Amino acid sequence: MSHGCNGGSVVSTLSWLKQSREKLVNQTEYPYKAQTGICRIFPLVHGGVTVKDFAAFDFSGQEEEMSRRLVDWGPLVVLVDAVSWQDYQGGIIQHHCSAGHANHAVLITGYDTTGEVPFWIVRNSWGTVWGDGGYAYIKMGENMCGVADNVAAVFI
């Protein structure tokens, strides 16, 4: 189910994009504004990319496999419980973040296992003033915030 510019289902949206062959435009052409409103429609001749396929996964208990898929396929869309994220200003989220209720979609762009606490590098949609320049870091290996429960890879 899609709710226009106010949330919806990642899998339903990807399925529709694949089936309709509608193009996605670059964020510089259609920046996220974090507000409910009317979605703009671009002319059919406008450039962009088409979703050729996607795959949805549940990597609960398999975050190592999830990291391999990230390396092979590129950024992954994940649903998280972001209720505790409102006051996040940086550092690794490793406590007080349940996997109970997915309520926000983010993009995993990488990971780091070189330090004492391995973590996912997560790009959020709340702008660069939030978190660490728009990014959060989530501890790997414990399904923190439900990061491994609902994962999608998009192929363009």
N, C-alpha and C. Protein backbone atom coordinates (compact mmCIF):
# COMPACT_ATOMS: atom_id res chain seq x y z
N MET A 1 0.84 -1.17 0.00
CA MET A 1 0.00 0.00 0.00
C MET A 1 0.89 1.23 0.00
N SER A 2 0.57 2.18 -0.85
CA SER A 2 1.32 3.43 -0.90
C SER A 2 0.47 4.55 -0.33
N HIS A 3 1.09 5.43 0.39
CA HIS A 3 0.40 6.58 0.95
C HIS A 3 0.97 7.87 0.37
N GLY A 4 1.26 7.87 -0.93
CA GLY A 4 1.78 9.06 -1.58
C GLY A 4 3.08 9.51 -0.96
N CYS A 5 3.16 10.76 -0.60
CA CYS A 5 4.38 11.30 0.00
C CYS A 5 4.32 11.24 1.52
N ASN A 6 3.57 10.30 2.06
CA ASN A 6 3.45 10.18 3.52
C ASN A 6 3.55 8.72 3.93
N GLY A 7 4.58 8.03 3.47
CA GLY A 7 4.81 6.65 3.90
C GLY A 7 4.17 5.62 2.99
N GLY A 8 4.20 4.38 3.43
CA GLY A 8 3.64 3.28 2.66
C GLY A 8 4.48 2.04 2.82
N SER A 9 4.26 1.07 1.96
CA SER A 9 4.96 -0.21 2.00
C SER A 9 6.11 -0.23 0.99
N VAL A 10 7.30 -0.56 1.45
CA VAL A 10 8.47 -0.62 0.56
C VAL A 10 8.26 -1.68 -0.52
N VAL A 11 7.84 -2.88 -0.13
CA VAL A 11 7.67 -3.97 -1.10
C VAL A 11 6.57 -3.64 -2.11
N SER A 12 5.45 -3.09 -1.66
CA SER A 12 4.37 -2.72 -2.59
C SER A 12 4.85 -1.64 -3.56
N THR A 13 5.59 -0.68 -3.05
CA THR A 13 6.10 0.39 -3.90
C THR A 13 7.08 -0.15 -4.93
N LEU A 14 8.01 -1.01 -4.50
CA LEU A 14 8.98 -1.59 -5.44
C LEU A 14 8.29 -2.46 -6.47
N SER A 15 7.29 -3.21 -6.05
CA SER A 15 6.53 -4.05 -6.98
C SER A 15 5.84 -3.19 -8.04
N TRP A 16 5.22 -2.09 -7.61
CA TRP A 16 4.56 -1.19 -8.55
C TRP A 16 5.58 -0.55 -9.49
N LEU A 17 6.71 -0.11 -8.96
CA LEU A 17 7.74 0.51 -9.81
C LEU A 17 8.27 -0.47 -10.85
N LYS A 18 8.44 -1.72 -10.46
CA LYS A 18 8.91 -2.74 -11.40
C LYS A 18 7.87 -2.98 -12.49
N GLN A 19 6.63 -3.15 -12.08
CA GLN A 19 5.56 -3.46 -13.02
C GLN A 19 5.25 -2.28 -13.95
N SER A 20 5.21 -1.08 -13.41
CA SER A 20 4.83 0.10 -14.20
C SER A 20 5.97 0.64 -15.05
N ARG A 21 7.20 0.32 -14.66
CA ARG A 21 8.39 0.81 -15.34
C ARG A 21 8.52 2.34 -15.27
N GLU A 22 7.87 2.93 -14.25
CA GLU A 22 8.02 4.37 -14.02
C GLU A 22 9.47 4.64 -13.62
N LYS A 23 9.94 5.82 -13.95
CA LYS A 23 11.33 6.18 -13.65
C LYS A 23 11.42 6.94 -12.33
N LEU A 24 12.53 6.71 -11.64
CA LEU A 24 12.85 7.43 -10.41
C LEU A 24 13.85 8.52 -10.76
N VAL A 25 13.64 9.71 -10.21
CA VAL A 25 14.55 10.82 -10.48
C VAL A 25 15.54 10.96 -9.33
N ASN A 26 16.62 11.66 -9.60
CA ASN A 26 17.67 11.90 -8.62
C ASN A 26 17.16 12.80 -7.50
N GLN A 27 17.70 12.61 -6.31
CA GLN A 27 17.29 13.40 -5.15
C GLN A 27 17.54 14.89 -5.35
N THR A 28 18.53 15.26 -6.15
CA THR A 28 18.78 16.68 -6.40
C THR A 28 17.63 17.31 -7.19
N GLU A 29 16.94 16.50 -8.00
CA GLU A 29 15.81 17.00 -8.78
C GLU A 29 14.51 16.99 -7.98
N TYR A 30 14.41 16.12 -6.99
CA TYR A 30 13.19 16.00 -6.20
C TYR A 30 13.57 15.72 -4.75
N PRO A 31 14.08 16.74 -4.04
CA PRO A 31 14.57 16.51 -2.67
C PRO A 31 13.46 16.16 -1.69
N TYR A 32 13.81 15.35 -0.71
CA TYR A 32 12.88 14.98 0.35
C TYR A 32 12.68 16.18 1.27
N LYS A 33 11.41 16.47 1.61
CA LYS A 33 11.12 17.65 2.42
C LYS A 33 10.55 17.33 3.80
N ALA A 34 10.36 16.07 4.14
CA ALA A 34 9.87 15.65 5.46
C ALA A 34 8.55 16.31 5.83
N GLN A 35 7.64 16.37 4.87
CA GLN A 35 6.33 16.92 5.15
C GLN A 35 5.29 16.28 4.24
N THR A 36 4.07 16.21 4.73
CA THR A 36 2.98 15.66 3.93
C THR A 36 2.61 16.68 2.87
N GLY A 37 2.37 16.20 1.67
CA GLY A 37 2.00 17.10 0.59
C GLY A 37 1.60 16.33 -0.64
N ILE A 38 1.51 17.02 -1.74
CA ILE A 38 1.15 16.41 -3.00
C ILE A 38 2.44 16.05 -3.73
N CYS A 39 2.52 14.82 -4.21
CA CYS A 39 3.71 14.38 -4.94
C CYS A 39 3.72 15.02 -6.33
N ARG A 40 4.87 15.51 -6.75
CA ARG A 40 5.01 16.05 -8.10
C ARG A 40 5.13 14.91 -9.09
N ILE A 41 4.63 15.12 -10.27
CA ILE A 41 4.74 14.14 -11.35
C ILE A 41 5.62 14.76 -12.43
N PHE A 42 6.58 13.97 -12.92
CA PHE A 42 7.47 14.45 -13.96
C PHE A 42 6.97 13.96 -15.32
N PRO A 43 7.26 14.72 -16.39
CA PRO A 43 6.87 14.27 -17.73
C PRO A 43 7.53 12.93 -18.06
N LEU A 44 6.89 12.16 -18.93
CA LEU A 44 7.41 10.85 -19.31
C LEU A 44 8.78 10.92 -19.95
N VAL A 45 9.11 12.03 -20.59
CA VAL A 45 10.40 12.14 -21.28
C VAL A 45 11.54 12.45 -20.32
N HIS A 46 11.22 12.74 -19.07
CA HIS A 46 12.23 13.11 -18.09
C HIS A 46 13.15 11.92 -17.81
N GLY A 47 14.43 12.19 -17.59
CA GLY A 47 15.39 11.13 -17.29
C GLY A 47 15.13 10.48 -15.95
N GLY A 48 15.84 9.43 -15.68
CA GLY A 48 15.71 8.72 -14.41
C GLY A 48 16.09 7.27 -14.58
N VAL A 49 15.90 6.49 -13.54
CA VAL A 49 16.22 5.07 -13.59
C VAL A 49 14.95 4.25 -13.35
N THR A 50 14.95 3.04 -13.89
CA THR A 50 13.82 2.14 -13.75
C THR A 50 14.20 0.97 -12.85
N VAL A 51 13.28 0.55 -11.99
CA VAL A 51 13.50 -0.63 -11.16
C VAL A 51 13.29 -1.86 -12.04
N LYS A 52 14.37 -2.58 -12.31
CA LYS A 52 14.27 -3.80 -13.12
C LYS A 52 13.79 -4.98 -12.29
N ASP A 53 14.24 -5.02 -11.04
CA ASP A 53 13.83 -6.11 -10.15
C ASP A 53 14.17 -5.72 -8.71
N PHE A 54 13.67 -6.51 -7.79
CA PHE A 54 13.99 -6.32 -6.38
C PHE A 54 13.84 -7.66 -5.69
N ALA A 55 14.42 -7.77 -4.52
CA ALA A 55 14.29 -8.99 -3.71
C ALA A 55 14.11 -8.57 -2.26
N ALA A 56 13.20 -9.23 -1.56
CA ALA A 56 12.94 -8.93 -0.16
C ALA A 56 13.41 -10.10 0.71
N PHE A 57 13.98 -9.79 1.86
CA PHE A 57 14.57 -10.81 2.72
C PHE A 57 14.26 -10.55 4.19
N ASP A 58 14.36 -11.60 4.97
CA ASP A 58 14.39 -11.52 6.43
C ASP A 58 15.73 -12.11 6.84
N PHE A 59 16.66 -11.26 7.25
CA PHE A 59 17.99 -11.70 7.64
C PHE A 59 18.14 -11.82 9.16
N SER A 60 17.04 -11.98 9.88
CA SER A 60 17.11 -12.14 11.34
C SER A 60 18.05 -13.29 11.67
N GLY A 61 19.04 -13.02 12.52
CA GLY A 61 20.02 -14.04 12.88
C GLY A 61 21.04 -14.33 11.80
N GLN A 62 21.04 -13.55 10.72
CA GLN A 62 21.94 -13.78 9.59
C GLN A 62 22.58 -12.48 9.09
N GLU A 63 22.97 -11.63 10.01
CA GLU A 63 23.51 -10.33 9.60
C GLU A 63 24.83 -10.45 8.85
N GLU A 64 25.57 -11.52 9.08
CA GLU A 64 26.80 -11.72 8.30
C GLU A 64 26.46 -11.94 6.83
N GLU A 65 25.43 -12.74 6.57
CA GLU A 65 24.95 -12.95 5.20
C GLU A 65 24.44 -11.64 4.61
N MET A 66 23.76 -10.86 5.42
CA MET A 66 23.25 -9.56 4.99
C MET A 66 24.40 -8.65 4.56
N SER A 67 25.51 -8.68 5.29
CA SER A 67 26.67 -7.86 4.92
C SER A 67 27.26 -8.32 3.60
N ARG A 68 27.24 -9.62 3.33
CA ARG A 68 27.73 -10.13 2.03
C ARG A 68 26.83 -9.64 0.89
N ARG A 69 25.53 -9.66 1.12
CA ARG A 69 24.59 -9.18 0.09
C ARG A 69 24.80 -7.68 -0.16
N LEU A 70 25.07 -6.93 0.89
CA LEU A 70 25.34 -5.50 0.75
C LEU A 70 26.56 -5.28 -0.16
N VAL A 71 27.60 -6.06 0.04
CA VAL A 71 28.81 -5.94 -0.78
C VAL A 71 28.50 -6.31 -2.23
N ASP A 72 27.74 -7.39 -2.43
CA ASP A 72 27.43 -7.87 -3.78
C ASP A 72 26.45 -6.97 -4.53
N TRP A 73 25.44 -6.47 -3.84
CA TRP A 73 24.33 -5.79 -4.50
C TRP A 73 24.30 -4.28 -4.32
N GLY A 74 25.03 -3.76 -3.37
CA GLY A 74 24.96 -2.33 -3.10
C GLY A 74 23.97 -2.02 -1.99
N PRO A 75 23.63 -0.75 -1.80
CA PRO A 75 22.78 -0.34 -0.67
C PRO A 75 21.50 -1.16 -0.55
N LEU A 76 21.09 -1.39 0.70
CA LEU A 76 19.89 -2.16 1.01
C LEU A 76 18.87 -1.28 1.72
N VAL A 77 17.62 -1.39 1.31
CA VAL A 77 16.52 -0.71 2.00
C VAL A 77 16.13 -1.58 3.19
N VAL A 78 16.03 -0.98 4.38
CA VAL A 78 15.62 -1.74 5.56
C VAL A 78 14.55 -0.97 6.33
N LEU A 79 13.68 -1.71 6.98
CA LEU A 79 12.68 -1.12 7.87
C LEU A 79 13.18 -1.26 9.29
N VAL A 80 13.07 -0.21 10.06
CA VAL A 80 13.55 -0.21 11.44
C VAL A 80 12.50 0.37 12.38
N ASP A 81 12.68 0.10 13.65
CA ASP A 81 11.91 0.77 14.69
C ASP A 81 12.72 2.01 15.07
N ALA A 82 12.29 3.17 14.60
CA ALA A 82 13.05 4.40 14.78
C ALA A 82 12.47 5.32 15.85
N VAL A 83 11.60 4.80 16.70
CA VAL A 83 10.98 5.62 17.74
C VAL A 83 12.04 6.30 18.61
N SER A 84 13.10 5.59 18.93
CA SER A 84 14.14 6.13 19.81
C SER A 84 15.16 7.00 19.07
N TRP A 85 14.99 7.22 17.79
CA TRP A 85 15.97 7.95 17.00
C TRP A 85 15.80 9.47 17.03
N GLN A 86 14.73 9.98 17.56
CA GLN A 86 14.44 11.41 17.49
C GLN A 86 15.58 12.28 18.03
N ASP A 87 16.22 11.82 19.10
CA ASP A 87 17.28 12.61 19.73
C ASP A 87 18.68 12.11 19.40
N TYR A 88 18.80 11.21 18.43
CA TYR A 88 20.10 10.66 18.06
C TYR A 88 20.99 11.77 17.49
N GLN A 89 22.22 11.86 18.00
CA GLN A 89 23.16 12.88 17.53
C GLN A 89 24.49 12.29 17.07
N GLY A 90 24.63 10.98 17.15
CA GLY A 90 25.86 10.35 16.71
C GLY A 90 26.21 9.18 17.60
N GLY A 91 27.27 8.48 17.25
CA GLY A 91 27.67 7.29 17.98
C GLY A 91 26.96 6.06 17.46
N ILE A 92 27.27 4.92 18.04
CA ILE A 92 26.69 3.65 17.61
C ILE A 92 25.47 3.33 18.46
N ILE A 93 24.33 3.14 17.80
CA ILE A 93 23.11 2.73 18.50
C ILE A 93 23.30 1.27 18.90
N GLN A 94 23.36 1.03 20.21
CA GLN A 94 23.57 -0.35 20.67
C GLN A 94 22.72 -0.71 21.89
N HIS A 95 21.86 0.21 22.31
CA HIS A 95 20.96 -0.04 23.43
C HIS A 95 19.63 0.66 23.16
N HIS A 96 18.60 0.25 23.86
CA HIS A 96 17.30 0.94 23.86
C HIS A 96 16.73 1.15 22.47
N CYS A 97 16.82 0.15 21.63
CA CYS A 97 16.25 0.24 20.29
C CYS A 97 15.68 -1.13 19.96
N SER A 98 14.39 -1.27 20.11
CA SER A 98 13.76 -2.58 19.97
C SER A 98 13.58 -2.97 18.51
N ALA A 99 13.32 -4.23 18.30
CA ALA A 99 13.01 -4.75 16.98
C ALA A 99 11.51 -4.98 16.87
N GLY A 100 10.75 -4.42 17.81
CA GLY A 100 9.35 -4.73 17.93
C GLY A 100 8.43 -4.24 16.84
N HIS A 101 8.63 -3.04 16.34
CA HIS A 101 7.66 -2.47 15.41
C HIS A 101 8.37 -1.62 14.36
N ALA A 102 8.47 -2.15 13.15
CA ALA A 102 9.08 -1.39 12.06
C ALA A 102 8.19 -0.22 11.69
N ASN A 103 8.76 0.98 11.66
CA ASN A 103 7.96 2.16 11.38
C ASN A 103 8.67 3.19 10.49
N HIS A 104 9.85 2.83 9.98
CA HIS A 104 10.62 3.80 9.20
C HIS A 104 11.56 3.06 8.25
N ALA A 105 11.63 3.53 7.00
CA ALA A 105 12.54 2.94 6.01
C ALA A 105 13.81 3.78 5.90
N VAL A 106 14.95 3.11 5.88
CA VAL A 106 16.25 3.76 5.74
C VAL A 106 17.09 2.95 4.75
N LEU A 107 18.28 3.44 4.46
CA LEU A 107 19.16 2.79 3.50
C LEU A 107 20.48 2.42 4.17
N ILE A 108 20.82 1.14 4.16
CA ILE A 108 22.14 0.71 4.64
C ILE A 108 23.11 0.88 3.49
N THR A 109 24.13 1.71 3.71
CA THR A 109 25.10 2.01 2.65
C THR A 109 26.45 1.35 2.88
N GLY A 110 26.67 0.80 4.06
CA GLY A 110 27.94 0.16 4.35
C GLY A 110 27.98 -0.38 5.76
N TYR A 111 29.15 -0.84 6.16
CA TYR A 111 29.35 -1.33 7.53
C TYR A 111 30.82 -1.22 7.87
N ASP A 112 31.11 -1.30 9.17
CA ASP A 112 32.49 -1.21 9.65
C ASP A 112 32.67 -2.24 10.76
N THR A 113 33.60 -3.15 10.55
CA THR A 113 33.88 -4.19 11.55
C THR A 113 35.28 -4.04 12.14
N THR A 114 35.92 -2.89 11.92
CA THR A 114 37.31 -2.73 12.37
C THR A 114 37.43 -2.34 13.83
N GLY A 115 36.39 -1.78 14.42
CA GLY A 115 36.46 -1.34 15.81
C GLY A 115 35.95 -2.39 16.78
N GLU A 116 35.86 -1.99 18.03
CA GLU A 116 35.38 -2.89 19.09
C GLU A 116 33.92 -3.29 18.88
N VAL A 117 33.11 -2.35 18.36
CA VAL A 117 31.69 -2.62 18.11
C VAL A 117 31.44 -2.51 16.61
N PRO A 118 31.17 -3.63 15.93
CA PRO A 118 30.86 -3.56 14.50
C PRO A 118 29.50 -2.88 14.30
N PHE A 119 29.37 -2.11 13.20
CA PHE A 119 28.12 -1.38 13.00
C PHE A 119 27.77 -1.21 11.53
N TRP A 120 26.46 -1.04 11.30
CA TRP A 120 25.92 -0.71 9.99
C TRP A 120 26.00 0.80 9.80
N ILE A 121 26.26 1.24 8.60
CA ILE A 121 26.22 2.66 8.25
C ILE A 121 24.88 2.89 7.55
N VAL A 122 24.05 3.74 8.16
CA VAL A 122 22.65 3.88 7.73
C VAL A 122 22.35 5.32 7.34
N ARG A 123 21.87 5.49 6.12
CA ARG A 123 21.47 6.82 5.65
C ARG A 123 19.99 7.01 5.94
N ASN A 124 19.69 8.08 6.65
CA ASN A 124 18.31 8.39 6.99
C ASN A 124 17.78 9.46 6.05
N SER A 125 16.48 9.73 6.11
CA SER A 125 15.85 10.71 5.23
C SER A 125 15.48 12.00 5.95
N TRP A 126 15.99 12.20 7.15
CA TRP A 126 15.60 13.36 7.95
C TRP A 126 16.53 14.55 7.77
N GLY A 127 17.35 14.55 6.75
CA GLY A 127 18.23 15.68 6.47
C GLY A 127 19.58 15.56 7.14
N THR A 128 20.50 16.41 6.71
CA THR A 128 21.88 16.33 7.19
C THR A 128 22.08 16.93 8.57
N VAL A 129 21.09 17.64 9.10
CA VAL A 129 21.22 18.18 10.45
C VAL A 129 20.93 17.12 11.50
N TRP A 130 20.33 16.01 11.09
CA TRP A 130 20.02 14.91 12.01
C TRP A 130 21.21 13.96 12.07
N GLY A 131 21.44 13.36 13.23
CA GLY A 131 22.47 12.33 13.37
C GLY A 131 23.85 12.83 13.04
N ASP A 132 24.61 12.02 12.34
CA ASP A 132 25.96 12.37 11.91
C ASP A 132 25.90 12.73 10.43
N GLY A 133 25.50 13.95 10.13
CA GLY A 133 25.37 14.38 8.74
C GLY A 133 24.30 13.64 7.98
N GLY A 134 23.25 13.21 8.68
CA GLY A 134 22.16 12.46 8.05
C GLY A 134 22.31 10.95 8.16
N TYR A 135 23.37 10.50 8.81
CA TYR A 135 23.64 9.07 8.96
C TYR A 135 23.53 8.63 10.42
N ALA A 136 23.24 7.35 10.59
CA ALA A 136 23.24 6.72 11.91
C ALA A 136 24.12 5.48 11.82
N TYR A 137 24.55 5.00 12.96
CA TYR A 137 25.37 3.79 13.03
C TYR A 137 24.67 2.83 13.99
N ILE A 138 24.37 1.62 13.49
CA ILE A 138 23.62 0.64 14.28
C ILE A 138 24.49 -0.59 14.50
N LYS A 139 24.60 -1.00 15.75
CA LYS A 139 25.39 -2.18 16.11
C LYS A 139 24.96 -3.38 15.28
N MET A 140 25.94 -4.10 14.74
CA MET A 140 25.68 -5.31 13.96
C MET A 140 25.60 -6.52 14.88
N GLY A 141 24.88 -7.53 14.42
CA GLY A 141 24.90 -8.83 15.06
C GLY A 141 23.81 -9.10 16.06
N GLU A 142 23.01 -8.10 16.43
CA GLU A 142 21.96 -8.30 17.43
C GLU A 142 20.59 -7.84 16.92
N ASN A 143 20.46 -7.64 15.62
CA ASN A 143 19.22 -7.17 15.02
C ASN A 143 18.69 -5.92 15.73
N MET A 144 19.61 -5.04 16.07
CA MET A 144 19.26 -3.80 16.76
C MET A 144 18.27 -3.00 15.92
N CYS A 145 17.21 -2.53 16.51
CA CYS A 145 16.15 -1.74 15.87
C CYS A 145 15.40 -2.54 14.80
N GLY A 146 15.61 -3.85 14.74
CA GLY A 146 14.97 -4.68 13.73
C GLY A 146 15.60 -4.54 12.36
N VAL A 147 16.84 -4.10 12.32
CA VAL A 147 17.52 -3.77 11.06
C VAL A 147 17.60 -4.94 10.07
N ALA A 148 17.52 -6.18 10.55
CA ALA A 148 17.65 -7.33 9.66
C ALA A 148 16.32 -8.00 9.33
N ASP A 149 15.22 -7.53 9.90
CA ASP A 149 13.93 -8.20 9.73
C ASP A 149 13.30 -8.00 8.36
N ASN A 150 13.34 -6.79 7.86
CA ASN A 150 12.69 -6.45 6.58
C ASN A 150 13.70 -5.73 5.70
N VAL A 151 14.29 -6.46 4.77
CA VAL A 151 15.39 -5.95 3.95
C VAL A 151 15.02 -6.11 2.48
N ALA A 152 15.32 -5.11 1.68
CA ALA A 152 15.07 -5.20 0.24
C ALA A 152 16.29 -4.73 -0.53
N ALA A 153 16.61 -5.48 -1.58
CA ALA A 153 17.66 -5.09 -2.52
C ALA A 153 16.96 -4.66 -3.81
N VAL A 154 17.40 -3.56 -4.38
CA VAL A 154 16.78 -3.01 -5.58
C VAL A 154 17.79 -3.07 -6.71
N PHE A 155 17.35 -3.55 -7.87
CA PHE A 155 18.22 -3.68 -9.04
C PHE A 155 17.71 -2.75 -10.13
N ILE A 156 18.58 -1.80 -10.54
CA ILE A 156 18.19 -0.82 -11.55
C ILE A 156 18.96 -1.02 -12.84
